[in-house]
Protein backbone atom coordinates (compact mmCIF):
# COMPACT_ATOMS: atom_id res chain seq x y z
CA MET A 1 35.99 40.64 -7.94
CA VAL A 2 34.05 42.84 -10.14
CA ALA A 3 33.13 41.14 -13.61
CA THR A 4 33.69 43.30 -16.63
CA GLN A 5 32.49 42.77 -20.24
CA PRO A 6 34.70 41.79 -22.68
CA THR A 7 35.79 44.46 -25.22
CA PHE A 8 35.22 44.42 -28.98
CA ASN A 9 38.52 43.17 -29.96
CA GLN A 10 38.63 40.11 -27.31
CA VAL A 11 34.66 39.25 -28.44
CA TYR A 12 36.08 39.25 -31.97
CA ASP A 13 39.23 37.54 -31.32
CA MET A 14 37.73 34.77 -29.94
CA ALA A 15 34.98 34.78 -33.08
CA CYS A 16 38.10 34.38 -35.29
CA MET A 17 39.19 31.22 -33.18
CA LEU A 18 35.97 29.43 -34.39
CA SER A 19 35.49 27.34 -37.59
CA ARG A 20 34.32 28.62 -40.86
CA THR A 21 30.96 26.98 -40.27
CA GLU A 22 30.93 28.26 -36.49
CA GLN A 23 31.39 31.73 -37.92
CA ARG A 24 28.49 31.55 -40.51
CA ARG A 25 26.28 30.47 -37.80
CA LEU A 26 27.29 33.35 -35.74
CA VAL A 27 26.90 35.91 -37.99
CA ASN A 28 23.50 34.39 -39.17
CA ARG A 29 22.22 34.37 -35.21
CA ILE A 30 23.77 37.75 -34.89
CA VAL A 31 21.48 38.59 -38.14
CA GLY A 32 18.34 37.21 -36.94
CA VAL A 33 18.28 39.01 -33.20
CA LEU A 34 19.26 42.35 -35.11
CA LEU A 35 16.39 42.20 -37.43
CA GLU A 36 13.34 42.33 -35.76
CA ASP A 37 11.69 43.21 -39.15
CA GLU A 38 13.21 40.10 -41.14
CA ASP A 39 12.31 39.50 -45.20
CA GLY A 40 11.44 36.35 -46.67
CA PHE A 41 15.45 35.63 -47.63
CA LEU A 42 16.44 35.84 -44.04
CA ARG A 43 13.84 33.63 -42.87
CA GLN A 44 14.59 30.95 -45.55
CA ARG A 45 18.38 31.49 -44.68
CA ARG A 46 17.58 30.38 -41.08
CA GLU A 47 15.02 27.73 -41.64
CA HIS A 48 17.87 26.15 -43.95
CA ILE A 49 20.45 26.54 -41.25
CA SER A 50 17.94 24.84 -38.86
CA GLU A 51 17.47 22.23 -41.42
CA SER A 52 21.25 21.72 -41.91
CA GLU A 53 21.60 21.26 -37.86
CA GLN A 54 18.91 18.78 -37.91
CA GLN A 55 20.63 16.88 -40.57
CA ILE A 56 23.71 16.57 -39.02
CA VAL A 57 22.63 15.54 -35.83
CA GLU A 58 20.77 12.46 -37.73
CA GLY A 59 23.88 11.88 -39.31
CA LYS A 60 22.25 12.72 -43.01
CA VAL A 61 25.00 15.01 -44.09
CA TYR A 62 28.10 13.50 -45.88
CA SER A 63 31.70 14.34 -46.37
CA GLU A 64 33.43 15.95 -49.42
CA GLU A 65 35.38 12.65 -50.08
CA GLU A 66 32.08 10.90 -49.30
CA SER A 67 29.69 12.91 -51.23
CA ASP A 68 32.22 12.46 -54.43
CA LYS A 69 32.35 8.68 -54.21
CA MET A 70 28.85 8.90 -54.32
CA ILE A 71 28.35 10.72 -57.53
CA GLU A 72 31.29 8.48 -59.02
CA ASP A 73 29.28 5.24 -58.46
CA ILE A 74 26.01 7.01 -59.59
CA PHE A 75 28.19 8.14 -62.60
CA ASN A 76 29.38 4.51 -63.44
CA GLU A 77 25.89 2.97 -62.55
CA LEU A 78 24.43 5.31 -65.20
CA SER A 79 27.41 4.96 -67.98
CA ILE A 80 26.72 0.96 -67.64
CA ILE A 81 22.58 1.40 -68.06
CA ALA A 82 23.69 4.04 -70.75
CA ALA A 83 25.99 1.32 -72.56
């Protein structure tokens, strides 16, 4: 059996099945590979993604609901202090 390389459309269809976050990660990695002479912005973006991935692994990332609750709690504490 001869192995064939997937077509562009097949690869595109597979990429469309990824979550939005994974799509962004894929695009950022492709851009990094295609641009040999990357500028400061791209370098910063890649470092930010790497840092974010590390925070996810360490469990330091909160869901939107958790983040909203934390902000609400901080606001309530500041309101009590200011009163």
